[in-house]
Amino acid sequence: MDEEEYQRLNTCSTLREHAFHSAIPVVGPLIARFRAAWNSVSTKWYVRPLIQQQSEFNMLVVQHLGETDVHLDETNARLVEVDREQVALRRDVAELTQQVVQMNRLLTTLNEHLAELEGK
């Protein structure tokens, strides 16, 4: 997640109460005030704690996502390092295998020469 996505999530994590407005000419502001007053009486005291609770949850999730993103970056960096180490180890094993093959050939040659010398 890039910084822009994180900031967008962070901004959207906090819920806000709806601001009432009306596009009706002349009486529109009156309608908006009536809706706001009715909302205050009917639901505001019930909804405000839910908005707060959900906003806190959202912020915790965004924070956790940010921390997880950092951990993923660290894990990816470690995986790259481990991959480099494995490549180096594979190269070392290939070189050692080649040396063992050469030593076995040399031992075979030496054994053949010893056998010839013992046979004489």
PDB file of N, CA and C in Angstrom:
ATOM      1  N   MET A   1       0.855  -1.164   0.000  1.00  0.00           N
ATOM      2  CA  MET A   1       0.000   0.000   0.000  1.00  0.00           C
ATOM      3  C   MET A   1       0.902   1.227   0.000  1.00  0.00           C
ATOM      4  N   ASP A   2       0.645   2.126  -0.932  1.00  0.00           N
ATOM      5  CA  ASP A   2       1.477   3.325  -0.972  1.00  0.00           C
ATOM      6  C   ASP A   2       0.931   4.386  -0.012  1.00  0.00           C
ATOM      7  N   GLU A   3       1.687   5.440   0.161  1.00  0.00           N
ATOM      8  CA  GLU A   3       1.351   6.483   1.133  1.00  0.00           C
ATOM      9  C   GLU A   3       0.020   7.147   0.807  1.00  0.00           C
ATOM     10  N   GLU A   4      -0.256   7.331  -0.477  1.00  0.00           N
ATOM     11  CA  GLU A   4      -1.505   7.984  -0.888  1.00  0.00           C
ATOM     12  C   GLU A   4      -2.717   7.125  -0.498  1.00  0.00           C
ATOM     13  N   GLU A   5      -2.625   5.819  -0.739  1.00  0.00           N
ATOM     14  CA  GLU A   5      -3.714   4.922  -0.350  1.00  0.00           C
ATOM     15  C   GLU A   5      -3.908   4.924   1.162  1.00  0.00           C
ATOM     16  N   TYR A   6      -2.799   4.894   1.893  1.00  0.00           N
ATOM     17  CA  TYR A   6      -2.875   4.903   3.359  1.00  0.00           C
ATOM     18  C   TYR A   6      -3.549   6.181   3.854  1.00  0.00           C
ATOM     19  N   GLN A   7      -3.173   7.325   3.287  1.00  0.00           N
ATOM     20  CA  GLN A   7      -3.778   8.597   3.697  1.00  0.00           C
ATOM     21  C   GLN A   7      -5.270   8.632   3.372  1.00  0.00           C
ATOM     22  N   ARG A   8      -5.637   8.081   2.214  1.00  0.00           N
ATOM     23  CA  ARG A   8      -7.053   8.042   1.838  1.00  0.00           C
ATOM     24  C   ARG A   8      -7.849   7.177   2.812  1.00  0.00           C
ATOM     25  N   LEU A   9      -7.298   6.004   3.160  1.00  0.00           N
ATOM     26  CA  LEU A   9      -7.956   5.150   4.147  1.00  0.00           C
ATOM     27  C   LEU A   9      -8.071   5.851   5.486  1.00  0.00           C
ATOM     28  N   ASN A  10      -7.009   6.511   5.886  1.00  0.00           N
ATOM     29  CA  ASN A  10      -6.996   7.213   7.161  1.00  0.00           C
ATOM     30  C   ASN A  10      -8.061   8.311   7.180  1.00  0.00           C
ATOM     31  N   THR A  11      -8.181   9.032   6.082  1.00  0.00           N
ATOM     32  CA  THR A  11      -9.167  10.108   5.999  1.00  0.00           C
ATOM     33  C   THR A  11     -10.591   9.556   6.043  1.00  0.00           C
ATOM     34  N   CYS A  12     -10.819   8.451   5.363  1.00  0.00           N
ATOM     35  CA  CYS A  12     -12.163   7.867   5.304  1.00  0.00           C
ATOM     36  C   CYS A  12     -12.531   7.076   6.553  1.00  0.00           C
ATOM     37  N   SER A  13     -11.598   6.860   7.445  1.00  0.00           N
ATOM     38  CA  SER A  13     -11.875   6.009   8.604  1.00  0.00           C
ATOM     39  C   SER A  13     -12.799   6.672   9.619  1.00  0.00           C
ATOM     40  N   THR A  14     -12.832   7.993   9.641  1.00  0.00           N
ATOM     41  CA  THR A  14     -13.663   8.699  10.611  1.00  0.00           C
ATOM     42  C   THR A  14     -15.006   9.038   9.989  1.00  0.00           C
ATOM     43  N   LEU A  15     -16.067   8.517  10.601  1.00  0.00           N
ATOM     44  CA  LEU A  15     -17.413   8.812  10.134  1.00  0.00           C
ATOM     45  C   LEU A  15     -17.844  10.185  10.626  1.00  0.00           C
ATOM     46  N   ARG A  16     -18.664  10.851   9.833  1.00  0.00           N
ATOM     47  CA  ARG A  16     -19.166  12.167  10.207  1.00  0.00           C
ATOM     48  C   ARG A  16     -20.681  12.176  10.073  1.00  0.00           C
ATOM     49  N   GLU A  17     -21.304  12.959  10.933  1.00  0.00           N
ATOM     50  CA  GLU A  17     -22.759  13.081  10.840  1.00  0.00           C
ATOM     51  C   GLU A  17     -23.123  13.798   9.547  1.00  0.00           C
ATOM     52  N   HIS A  18     -24.253  13.431   9.035  1.00  0.00           N
ATOM     53  CA  HIS A  18     -24.747  14.033   7.802  1.00  0.00           C
ATOM     54  C   HIS A  18     -25.219  15.456   8.078  1.00  0.00           C
ATOM     55  N   ALA A  19     -24.776  16.379   7.263  1.00  0.00           N
ATOM     56  CA  ALA A  19     -25.247  17.758   7.363  1.00  0.00           C
ATOM     57  C   ALA A  19     -26.432  17.914   6.416  1.00  0.00           C
ATOM     58  N   PHE A  20     -27.581  18.250   6.966  1.00  0.00           N
ATOM     59  CA  PHE A  20     -28.777  18.383   6.139  1.00  0.00           C
ATOM     60  C   PHE A  20     -28.763  19.697   5.380  1.00  0.00           C
ATOM     61  N   HIS A  21     -29.224  19.618   4.129  1.00  0.00           N
ATOM     62  CA  HIS A  21     -29.397  20.814   3.316  1.00  0.00           C
ATOM     63  C   HIS A  21     -30.530  20.539   2.326  1.00  0.00           C
ATOM     64  N   SER A  22     -31.048  21.570   1.772  1.00  0.00           N
ATOM     65  CA  SER A  22     -32.132  21.421   0.810  1.00  0.00           C
ATOM     66  C   SER A  22     -31.923  22.413  -0.316  1.00  0.00           C
ATOM     67  N   ALA A  23     -32.218  21.969  -1.520  1.00  0.00           N
ATOM     68  CA  ALA A  23     -32.044  22.825  -2.696  1.00  0.00           C
ATOM     69  C   ALA A  23     -33.325  23.586  -3.033  1.00  0.00           C
ATOM     70  N   ILE A  24     -34.344  23.419  -2.234  1.00  0.00           N
ATOM     71  CA  ILE A  24     -35.615  24.110  -2.506  1.00  0.00           C
ATOM     72  C   ILE A  24     -35.432  25.597  -2.194  1.00  0.00           C
ATOM     73  N   PRO A  25     -35.806  26.440  -3.148  1.00  0.00           N
ATOM     74  CA  PRO A  25     -35.642  27.884  -2.927  1.00  0.00           C
ATOM     75  C   PRO A  25     -36.512  28.374  -1.765  1.00  0.00           C
ATOM     76  N   VAL A  26     -36.061  29.361  -1.098  1.00  0.00           N
ATOM     77  CA  VAL A  26     -36.711  30.097  -0.015  1.00  0.00           C
ATOM     78  C   VAL A  26     -36.896  29.247   1.246  1.00  0.00           C
ATOM     79  N   VAL A  27     -37.644  28.144   1.162  1.00  0.00           N
ATOM     80  CA  VAL A  27     -37.918  27.335   2.355  1.00  0.00           C
ATOM     81  C   VAL A  27     -36.868  26.255   2.581  1.00  0.00           C
ATOM     82  N   GLY A  28     -35.920  26.105   1.675  1.00  0.00           N
ATOM     83  CA  GLY A  28     -34.884  25.075   1.798  1.00  0.00           C
ATOM     84  C   GLY A  28     -34.121  25.127   3.107  1.00  0.00           C
ATOM     85  N   PRO A  29     -33.614  26.301   3.500  1.00  0.00           N
ATOM     86  CA  PRO A  29     -32.905  26.367   4.784  1.00  0.00           C
ATOM     87  C   PRO A  29     -33.796  25.989   5.975  1.00  0.00           C
ATOM     88  N   LEU A  30     -35.075  26.338   5.893  1.00  0.00           N
ATOM     89  CA  LEU A  30     -36.001  25.985   6.953  1.00  0.00           C
ATOM     90  C   LEU A  30     -36.179  24.471   7.026  1.00  0.00           C
ATOM     91  N   ILE A  31     -36.295  23.838   5.861  1.00  0.00           N
ATOM     92  CA  ILE A  31     -36.432  22.376   5.803  1.00  0.00           C
ATOM     93  C   ILE A  31     -35.179  21.708   6.377  1.00  0.00           C
ATOM     94  N   ALA A  32     -34.010  22.224   6.014  1.00  0.00           N
ATOM     95  CA  ALA A  32     -32.752  21.662   6.508  1.00  0.00           C
ATOM     96  C   ALA A  32     -32.658  21.795   8.026  1.00  0.00           C
ATOM     97  N   ARG A  33     -33.044  22.950   8.564  1.00  0.00           N
ATOM     98  CA  ARG A  33     -33.014  23.121  10.025  1.00  0.00           C
ATOM     99  C   ARG A  33     -33.996  22.183  10.713  1.00  0.00           C
ATOM    100  N   PHE A  34     -35.172  22.000  10.107  1.00  0.00           N
ATOM    101  CA  PHE A  34     -36.157  21.082  10.684  1.00  0.00           C
ATOM    102  C   PHE A  34     -35.613  19.651  10.693  1.00  0.00           C
ATOM    103  N   ARG A  35     -35.008  19.235   9.585  1.00  0.00           N
ATOM    104  CA  ARG A  35     -34.422  17.885   9.527  1.00  0.00           C
ATOM    105  C   ARG A  35     -33.330  17.716  10.588  1.00  0.00           C
ATOM    106  N   ALA A  36     -32.477  18.726  10.734  1.00  0.00           N
ATOM    107  CA  ALA A  36     -31.403  18.647  11.726  1.00  0.00           C
ATOM    108  C   ALA A  36     -31.974  18.563  13.132  1.00  0.00           C
ATOM    109  N   ALA A  37     -33.015  19.363  13.406  1.00  0.00           N
ATOM    110  CA  ALA A  37     -33.649  19.326  14.730  1.00  0.00           C
ATOM    111  C   ALA A  37     -34.296  17.969  14.981  1.00  0.00           C
ATOM    112  N   TRP A  38     -35.004  17.468  13.989  1.00  0.00           N
ATOM    113  CA  TRP A  38     -35.652  16.156  14.133  1.00  0.00           C
ATOM    114  C   TRP A  38     -34.609  15.057  14.331  1.00  0.00           C
ATOM    115  N   ASN A  39     -33.529  15.128  13.591  1.00  0.00           N
ATOM    116  CA  ASN A  39     -32.448  14.153  13.743  1.00  0.00           C
ATOM    117  C   ASN A  39     -31.881  14.220  15.153  1.00  0.00           C
ATOM    118  N   SER A  40     -31.722  15.419  15.678  1.00  0.00           N
ATOM    119  CA  SER A  40     -31.182  15.573  17.018  1.00  0.00           C
ATOM    120  C   SER A  40     -32.085  14.908  18.050  1.00  0.00           C
ATOM    121  N   VAL A  41     -33.391  15.075  17.879  1.00  0.00           N
ATOM    122  CA  VAL A  41     -34.354  14.505  18.824  1.00  0.00           C
ATOM    123  C   VAL A  41     -34.476  12.999  18.642  1.00  0.00           C
ATOM    124  N   SER A  42     -34.560  12.552  17.399  1.00  0.00           N
ATOM    125  CA  SER A  42     -34.911  11.149  17.165  1.00  0.00           C
ATOM    126  C   SER A  42     -33.739  10.175  17.157  1.00  0.00           C
ATOM    127  N   THR A  43     -32.587  10.584  16.640  1.00  0.00           N
ATOM    128  CA  THR A  43     -31.527   9.584  16.481  1.00  0.00           C
ATOM    129  C   THR A  43     -30.142   9.994  16.951  1.00  0.00           C
ATOM    130  N   LYS A  44     -29.881  11.257  17.086  1.00  0.00           N
ATOM    131  CA  LYS A  44     -28.505  11.710  17.329  1.00  0.00           C
ATOM    132  C   LYS A  44     -27.889  11.049  18.560  1.00  0.00           C
ATOM    133  N   TRP A  45     -28.618  10.918  19.659  1.00  0.00           N
ATOM    134  CA  TRP A  45     -28.049  10.363  20.883  1.00  0.00           C
ATOM    135  C   TRP A  45     -27.828   8.869  20.773  1.00  0.00           C
ATOM    136  N   TYR A  46     -28.531   8.234  19.869  1.00  0.00           N
ATOM    137  CA  TYR A  46     -28.315   6.807  19.634  1.00  0.00           C
ATOM    138  C   TYR A  46     -27.185   6.593  18.626  1.00  0.00           C
ATOM    139  N   VAL A  47     -27.155   7.432  17.605  1.00  0.00           N
ATOM    140  CA  VAL A  47     -26.218   7.237  16.494  1.00  0.00           C
ATOM    141  C   VAL A  47     -24.812   7.739  16.830  1.00  0.00           C
ATOM    142  N   ARG A  48     -24.689   8.809  17.579  1.00  0.00           N
ATOM    143  CA  ARG A  48     -23.354   9.364  17.881  1.00  0.00           C
ATOM    144  C   ARG A  48     -22.407   8.335  18.503  1.00  0.00           C
ATOM    145  N   PRO A  49     -22.840   7.580  19.535  1.00  0.00           N
ATOM    146  CA  PRO A  49     -21.921   6.577  20.088  1.00  0.00           C
ATOM    147  C   PRO A  49     -21.548   5.496  19.069  1.00  0.00           C
ATOM    148  N   LEU A  50     -22.492   5.140  18.197  1.00  0.00           N
ATOM    149  CA  LEU A  50     -22.175   4.147  17.158  1.00  0.00           C
ATOM    150  C   LEU A  50     -21.176   4.701  16.158  1.00  0.00           C
ATOM    151  N   ILE A  51     -21.343   5.960  15.787  1.00  0.00           N
ATOM    152  CA  ILE A  51     -20.396   6.601  14.865  1.00  0.00           C
ATOM    153  C   ILE A  51     -19.014   6.627  15.504  1.00  0.00           C
ATOM    154  N   GLN A  52     -18.958   6.997  16.783  1.00  0.00           N
ATOM    155  CA  GLN A  52     -17.670   7.050  17.486  1.00  0.00           C
ATOM    156  C   GLN A  52     -17.026   5.673  17.546  1.00  0.00           C
ATOM    157  N   GLN A  53     -17.828   4.676  17.896  1.00  0.00           N
ATOM    158  CA  GLN A  53     -17.311   3.302  17.995  1.00  0.00           C
ATOM    159  C   GLN A  53     -16.804   2.813  16.639  1.00  0.00           C
ATOM    160  N   GLN A  54     -17.574   3.043  15.588  1.00  0.00           N
ATOM    161  CA  GLN A  54     -17.152   2.598  14.258  1.00  0.00           C
ATOM    162  C   GLN A  54     -15.916   3.348  13.794  1.00  0.00           C
ATOM    163  N   SER A  55     -15.856   4.655  14.095  1.00  0.00           N
ATOM    164  CA  SER A  55     -14.678   5.443  13.704  1.00  0.00           C
ATOM    165  C   SER A  55     -13.427   4.937  14.408  1.00  0.00           C
ATOM    166  N   GLU A  56     -13.542   4.622  15.699  1.00  0.00           N
ATOM    167  CA  GLU A  56     -12.393   4.083  16.431  1.00  0.00           C
ATOM    168  C   GLU A  56     -11.954   2.752  15.843  1.00  0.00           C
ATOM    169  N   PHE A  57     -12.919   1.903  15.526  1.00  0.00           N
ATOM    170  CA  PHE A  57     -12.596   0.616  14.905  1.00  0.00           C
ATOM    171  C   PHE A  57     -11.897   0.833  13.566  1.00  0.00           C
ATOM    172  N   ASN A  58     -12.446   1.715  12.752  1.00  0.00           N
ATOM    173  CA  ASN A  58     -11.854   1.997  11.438  1.00  0.00           C
ATOM    174  C   ASN A  58     -10.420   2.490  11.573  1.00  0.00           C
ATOM    175  N   MET A  59     -10.185   3.391  12.543  1.00  0.00           N
ATOM    176  CA  MET A  59      -8.833   3.918  12.726  1.00  0.00           C
ATOM    177  C   MET A  59      -7.871   2.812  13.156  1.00  0.00           C
ATOM    178  N   LEU A  60      -8.342   1.901  14.032  1.00  0.00           N
ATOM    179  CA  LEU A  60      -7.494   0.775  14.442  1.00  0.00           C
ATOM    180  C   LEU A  60      -7.167  -0.132  13.258  1.00  0.00           C
ATOM    181  N   VAL A  61      -8.147  -0.364  12.395  1.00  0.00           N
ATOM    182  CA  VAL A  61      -7.912  -1.203  11.216  1.00  0.00           C
ATOM    183  C   VAL A  61      -6.907  -0.544  10.285  1.00  0.00           C
ATOM    184  N   VAL A  62      -7.058   0.755  10.059  1.00  0.00           N
ATOM    185  CA  VAL A  62      -6.118   1.477   9.197  1.00  0.00           C
ATOM    186  C   VAL A  62      -4.717   1.437   9.796  1.00  0.00           C
ATOM    187  N   GLN A  63      -4.621   1.631  11.108  1.00  0.00           N
ATOM    188  CA  GLN A  63      -3.321   1.567  11.774  1.00  0.00           C
ATOM    189  C   GLN A  63      -2.714   0.172  11.617  1.00  0.00           C
ATOM    190  N   HIS A  64      -3.529  -0.849  11.817  1.00  0.00           N
ATOM    191  CA  HIS A  64      -3.038  -2.225  11.682  1.00  0.00           C
ATOM    192  C   HIS A  64      -2.604  -2.509  10.243  1.00  0.00           C
ATOM    193  N   LEU A  65      -3.351  -2.021   9.274  1.00  0.00           N
ATOM    194  CA  LEU A  65      -2.968  -2.197   7.872  1.00  0.00           C
ATOM    195  C   LEU A  65      -1.617  -1.537   7.594  1.00  0.00           C
ATOM    196  N   GLY A  66      -1.414  -0.355   8.149  1.00  0.00           N
ATOM    197  CA  GLY A  66      -0.127   0.323   7.966  1.00  0.00           C
ATOM    198  C   GLY A  66       1.014  -0.471   8.576  1.00  0.00           C
ATOM    199  N   GLU A  67       0.786  -1.009   9.787  1.00  0.00           N
ATOM    200  CA  GLU A  67       1.823  -1.812  10.437  1.00  0.00           C
ATOM    201  C   GLU A  67       2.077  -3.100   9.659  1.00  0.00           C
ATOM    202  N   THR A  68       1.011  -3.701   9.164  1.00  0.00           N
ATOM    203  CA  THR A  68       1.147  -4.931   8.374  1.00  0.00           C
ATOM    204  C   THR A  68       1.931  -4.655   7.100  1.00  0.00           C
ATOM    205  N   ASP A  69       1.679  -3.512   6.504  1.00  0.00           N
ATOM    206  CA  ASP A  69       2.402  -3.136   5.287  1.00  0.00           C
ATOM    207  C   ASP A  69       3.897  -2.998   5.574  1.00  0.00           C
ATOM    208  N   VAL A  70       4.245  -2.405   6.711  1.00  0.00           N
ATOM    209  CA  VAL A  70       5.658  -2.271   7.100  1.00  0.00           C
ATOM    210  C   VAL A  70       6.269  -3.655   7.309  1.00  0.00           C
ATOM    211  N   HIS A  71       5.523  -4.540   7.999  1.00  0.00           N
ATOM    212  CA  HIS A  71       6.027  -5.897   8.235  1.00  0.00           C
ATOM    213  C   HIS A  71       6.210  -6.654   6.920  1.00  0.00           C
ATOM    214  N   LEU A  72       5.297  -6.441   5.980  1.00  0.00           N
ATOM    215  CA  LEU A  72       5.436  -7.095   4.672  1.00  0.00           C
ATOM    216  C   LEU A  72       6.687  -6.601   3.948  1.00  0.00           C
ATOM    217  N   ASP A  73       6.937  -5.307   4.023  1.00  0.00           N
ATOM    218  CA  ASP A  73       8.152  -4.764   3.402  1.00  0.00           C
ATOM    219  C   ASP A  73       9.396  -5.378   4.034  1.00  0.00           C
ATOM    220  N   GLU A  74       9.392  -5.480   5.367  1.00  0.00           N
ATOM    221  CA  GLU A  74      10.532  -6.083   6.059  1.00  0.00           C
ATOM    222  C   GLU A  74      10.687  -7.553   5.683  1.00  0.00           C
ATOM    223  N   THR A  75       9.573  -8.269   5.597  1.00  0.00           N
ATOM    224  CA  THR A  75       9.604  -9.690   5.232  1.00  0.00           C
ATOM    225  C   THR A  75      10.104  -9.862   3.803  1.00  0.00           C
ATOM    226  N   ASN A  76       9.643  -9.015   2.898  1.00  0.00           N
ATOM    227  CA  ASN A  76      10.112  -9.089   1.511  1.00  0.00           C
ATOM    228  C   ASN A  76      11.610  -8.823   1.422  1.00  0.00           C
ATOM    229  N   ALA A  77      12.091  -7.852   2.174  1.00  0.00           N
ATOM    230  CA  ALA A  77      13.526  -7.566   2.170  1.00  0.00           C
ATOM    231  C   ALA A  77      14.302  -8.771   2.696  1.00  0.00           C
ATOM    232  N   ARG A  78      13.789  -9.404   3.744  1.00  0.00           N
ATOM    233  CA  ARG A  78      14.451 -10.591   4.298  1.00  0.00           C
ATOM    234  C   ARG A  78      14.419 -11.739   3.296  1.00  0.00           C
ATOM    235  N   LEU A  79      13.302 -11.905   2.581  1.00  0.00           N
ATOM    236  CA  LEU A  79      13.213 -12.963   1.577  1.00  0.00           C
ATOM    237  C   LEU A  79      14.220 -12.749   0.449  1.00  0.00           C
ATOM    238  N   VAL A  80      14.410 -11.515   0.044  1.00  0.00           N
ATOM    239  CA  VAL A  80      15.407 -11.211  -0.986  1.00  0.00           C
ATOM    240  C   VAL A  80      16.791 -11.586  -0.474  1.00  0.00           C
ATOM    241  N   GLU A  81      17.058 -11.239   0.786  1.00  0.00           N
ATOM    242  CA  GLU A  81      18.355 -11.571   1.379  1.00  0.00           C
ATOM    243  C   GLU A  81      18.547 -13.092   1.453  1.00  0.00           C
ATOM    244  N   VAL A  82      17.524 -13.806   1.878  1.00  0.00           N
ATOM    245  CA  VAL A  82      17.600 -15.274   1.970  1.00  0.00           C
ATOM    246  C   VAL A  82      17.790 -15.876   0.574  1.00  0.00           C
ATOM    247  N   ASP A  83      17.118 -15.332  -0.422  1.00  0.00           N
ATOM    248  CA  ASP A  83      17.269 -15.830  -1.785  1.00  0.00           C
ATOM    249  C   ASP A  83      18.706 -15.646  -2.268  1.00  0.00           C
ATOM    250  N   ARG A  84      19.297 -14.497  -1.977  1.00  0.00           N
ATOM    251  CA  ARG A  84      20.702 -14.264  -2.365  1.00  0.00           C
ATOM    252  C   ARG A  84      21.624 -15.266  -1.676  1.00  0.00           C
ATOM    253  N   GLU A  85      21.357 -15.513  -0.386  1.00  0.00           N
ATOM    254  CA  GLU A  85      22.169 -16.472   0.349  1.00  0.00           C
ATOM    255  C   GLU A  85      22.033 -17.872  -0.254  1.00  0.00           C
ATOM    256  N   GLN A  86      20.815 -18.251  -0.640  1.00  0.00           N
ATOM    257  CA  GLN A  86      20.604 -19.571  -1.245  1.00  0.00           C
ATOM    258  C   GLN A  86      21.328 -19.694  -2.577  1.00  0.00           C
ATOM    259  N   VAL A  87      21.311 -18.636  -3.361  1.00  0.00           N
ATOM    260  CA  VAL A  87      22.032 -18.658  -4.644  1.00  0.00           C
ATOM    261  C   VAL A  87      23.523 -18.868  -4.393  1.00  0.00           C
ATOM    262  N   ALA A  88      24.055 -18.144  -3.406  1.00  0.00           N
ATOM    263  CA  ALA A  88      25.479 -18.286  -3.086  1.00  0.00           C
ATOM    264  C   ALA A  88      25.775 -19.698  -2.577  1.00  0.00           C
ATOM    265  N   LEU A  89      24.907 -20.234  -1.743  1.00  0.00           N
ATOM    266  CA  LEU A  89      25.110 -21.595  -1.227  1.00  0.00           C
ATOM    267  C   LEU A  89      25.027 -22.636  -2.345  1.00  0.00           C
ATOM    268  N   ARG A  90      24.084 -22.455  -3.256  1.00  0.00           N
ATOM    269  CA  ARG A  90      23.983 -23.389  -4.390  1.00  0.00           C
ATOM    270  C   ARG A  90      25.246 -23.358  -5.242  1.00  0.00           C
ATOM    271  N   ARG A  91      25.772 -22.158  -5.442  1.00  0.00           N
ATOM    272  CA  ARG A  91      27.011 -22.023  -6.202  1.00  0.00           C
ATOM    273  C   ARG A  91      28.154 -22.737  -5.472  1.00  0.00           C
ATOM    274  N   ASP A  92      28.221 -22.550  -4.145  1.00  0.00           N
ATOM    275  CA  ASP A  92      29.264 -23.224  -3.361  1.00  0.00           C
ATOM    276  C   ASP A  92      29.115 -24.740  -3.425  1.00  0.00           C
ATOM    277  N   VAL A  93      27.876 -25.228  -3.330  1.00  0.00           N
ATOM    278  CA  VAL A  93      27.641 -26.678  -3.395  1.00  0.00           C
ATOM    279  C   VAL A  93      28.039 -27.213  -4.762  1.00  0.00           C
ATOM    280  N   ALA A  94      27.736 -26.465  -5.825  1.00  0.00           N
ATOM    281  CA  ALA A  94      28.116 -26.903  -7.171  1.00  0.00           C
ATOM    282  C   ALA A  94      29.631 -26.976  -7.309  1.00  0.00           C
ATOM    283  N   GLU A  95      30.333 -25.985  -6.780  1.00  0.00           N
ATOM    284  CA  GLU A  95      31.800 -25.993  -6.830  1.00  0.00           C
ATOM    285  C   GLU A  95      32.359 -27.164  -6.025  1.00  0.00           C
ATOM    286  N   LEU A  96      31.813 -27.407  -4.838  1.00  0.00           N
ATOM    287  CA  LEU A  96      32.284 -28.525  -4.010  1.00  0.00           C
ATOM    288  C   LEU A  96      31.996 -29.863  -4.690  1.00  0.00           C
ATOM    289  N   THR A  97      30.849 -29.975  -5.313  1.00  0.00           N
ATOM    290  CA  THR A  97      30.519 -31.214  -6.032  1.00  0.00           C
ATOM    291  C   THR A  97      31.509 -31.455  -7.154  1.00  0.00           C
ATOM    292  N   GLN A  98      31.847 -30.400  -7.872  1.00  0.00           N
ATOM    293  CA  GLN A  98      32.827 -30.521  -8.943  1.00  0.00           C
ATOM    294  C   GLN A  98      34.194 -30.945  -8.387  1.00  0.00           C
ATOM    295  N   GLN A  99      34.576 -30.375  -7.250  1.00  0.00           N
ATOM    296  CA  GLN A  99      35.846 -30.748  -6.641  1.00  0.00           C
ATOM    297  C   GLN A  99      35.829 -32.211  -6.181  1.00  0.00           C
ATOM    298  N   VAL A 100      34.721 -32.676  -5.632  1.00  0.00           N
ATOM    299  CA  VAL A 100      34.611 -34.075  -5.196  1.00  0.00           C
ATOM    300  C   VAL A 100      34.720 -35.003  -6.395  1.00  0.00           C
ATOM    301  N   VAL A 101      34.078 -34.644  -7.496  1.00  0.00           N
ATOM    302  CA  VAL A 101      34.165 -35.461  -8.708  1.00  0.00           C
ATOM    303  C   VAL A 101      35.623 -35.534  -9.176  1.00  0.00           C
ATOM    304  N   GLN A 102      36.311 -34.392  -9.177  1.00  0.00           N
ATOM    305  CA  GLN A 102      37.715 -34.382  -9.585  1.00  0.00           C
ATOM    306  C   GLN A 102      38.571 -35.218  -8.634  1.00  0.00           C
ATOM    307  N   MET A 103      38.300 -35.120  -7.338  1.00  0.00           N
ATOM    308  CA  MET A 103      39.062 -35.913  -6.360  1.00  0.00           C
ATOM    309  C   MET A 103      38.800 -37.403  -6.567  1.00  0.00           C
ATOM    310  N   ASN A 104      37.571 -37.771  -6.864  1.00  0.00           N
ATOM    311  CA  ASN A 104      37.248 -39.188  -7.109  1.00  0.00           C
ATOM    312  C   ASN A 104      37.967 -39.706  -8.351  1.00  0.00           C
ATOM    313  N   ARG A 105      38.030 -38.870  -9.389  1.00  0.00           N
ATOM    314  CA  ARG A 105      38.757 -39.274 -10.599  1.00  0.00           C
ATOM    315  C   ARG A 105      40.238 -39.469 -10.274  1.00  0.00           C
ATOM    316  N   LEU A 106      40.775 -38.519  -9.501  1.00  0.00           N
ATOM    317  CA  LEU A 106      42.181 -38.612  -9.123  1.00  0.00           C
ATOM    318  C   LEU A 106      42.438 -39.861  -8.286  1.00  0.00           C
ATOM    319  N   LEU A 107      41.544 -40.163  -7.339  1.00  0.00           N
ATOM    320  CA  LEU A 107      41.689 -41.367  -6.520  1.00  0.00           C
ATOM    321  C   LEU A 107      41.608 -42.631  -7.381  1.00  0.00           C
ATOM    322  N   THR A 108      40.697 -42.610  -8.335  1.00  0.00           N
ATOM    323  CA  THR A 108      40.585 -43.763  -9.233  1.00  0.00           C
ATOM    324  C   THR A 108      41.876 -43.955 -10.011  1.00  0.00           C
ATOM    325  N   THR A 109      42.435 -42.862 -10.506  1.00  0.00           N
ATOM    326  CA  THR A 109      43.696 -42.937 -11.245  1.00  0.00           C
ATOM    327  C   THR A 109      44.816 -43.435 -10.344  1.00  0.00           C
ATOM    328  N   LEU A 110      44.873 -42.906  -9.127  1.00  0.00           N
ATOM    329  CA  LEU A 110      45.903 -43.351  -8.188  1.00  0.00           C
ATOM    330  C   LEU A 110      45.739 -44.828  -7.839  1.00  0.00           C
ATOM    331  N   ASN A 111      44.528 -45.272  -7.639  1.00  0.00           N
ATOM    332  CA  ASN A 111      44.277 -46.686  -7.333  1.00  0.00           C
ATOM    333  C   ASN A 111      44.696 -47.579  -8.501  1.00  0.00           C
ATOM    334  N   GLU A 112      44.434 -47.092  -9.703  1.00  0.00           N
ATOM    335  CA  GLU A 112      44.839 -47.870 -10.876  1.00  0.00           C
ATOM    336  C   GLU A 112      46.370 -47.964 -10.938  1.00  0.00           C
ATOM    337  N   HIS A 113      47.048 -46.851 -10.672  1.00  0.00           N
ATOM    338  CA  HIS A 113      48.521 -46.867 -10.680  1.00  0.00           C
ATOM    339  C   HIS A 113      49.068 -47.769  -9.572  1.00  0.00           C
ATOM    340  N   LEU A 114      48.457 -47.718  -8.400  1.00  0.00           N
ATOM    341  CA  LEU A 114      48.887 -48.599  -7.307  1.00  0.00           C
ATOM    342  C   LEU A 114      48.680 -50.055  -7.680  1.00  0.00           C
ATOM    343  N   ALA A 115      47.556 -50.325  -8.311  1.00  0.00           N
ATOM    344  CA  ALA A 115      47.289 -51.707  -8.711  1.00  0.00           C
ATOM    345  C   ALA A 115      48.320 -52.179  -9.734  1.00  0.00           C
ATOM    346  N   GLU A 116      48.724 -51.292 -10.651  1.00  0.00           N
ATOM    347  CA  GLU A 116      49.747 -51.652 -11.629  1.00  0.00           C
ATOM    348  C   GLU A 116      51.075 -51.900 -10.947  1.00  0.00           C
ATOM    349  N   LEU A 117      51.415 -51.041  -9.985  1.00  0.00           N
ATOM    350  CA  LEU A 117      52.670 -51.196  -9.275  1.00  0.00           C
ATOM    351  C   LEU A 117      52.689 -52.472  -8.439  1.00  0.00           C
ATOM    352  N   GLU A 118      51.599 -52.803  -7.845  1.00  0.00           N
ATOM    353  CA  GLU A 118      51.522 -54.030  -7.036  1.00  0.00           C
ATOM    354  C   GLU A 118      51.564 -55.256  -7.923  1.00  0.00           C
ATOM    355  N   GLY A 119      51.051 -55.120  -9.125  1.00  0.00           N
ATOM    356  CA  GLY A 119      51.043 -56.251 -10.061  1.00  0.00           C
ATOM    357  C   GLY A 119      52.396 -56.490 -10.679  1.00  0.00           C
ATOM    358  N   LYS A 120      53.323 -55.608 -10.622  1.00  0.00           N
ATOM    359  CA  LYS A 120      54.629 -55.790 -11.226  1.00  0.00           C
ATOM    360  C   LYS A 120      55.548 -56.509 -10.326  1.00  0.00           C
TER     361      LYS A 120
END
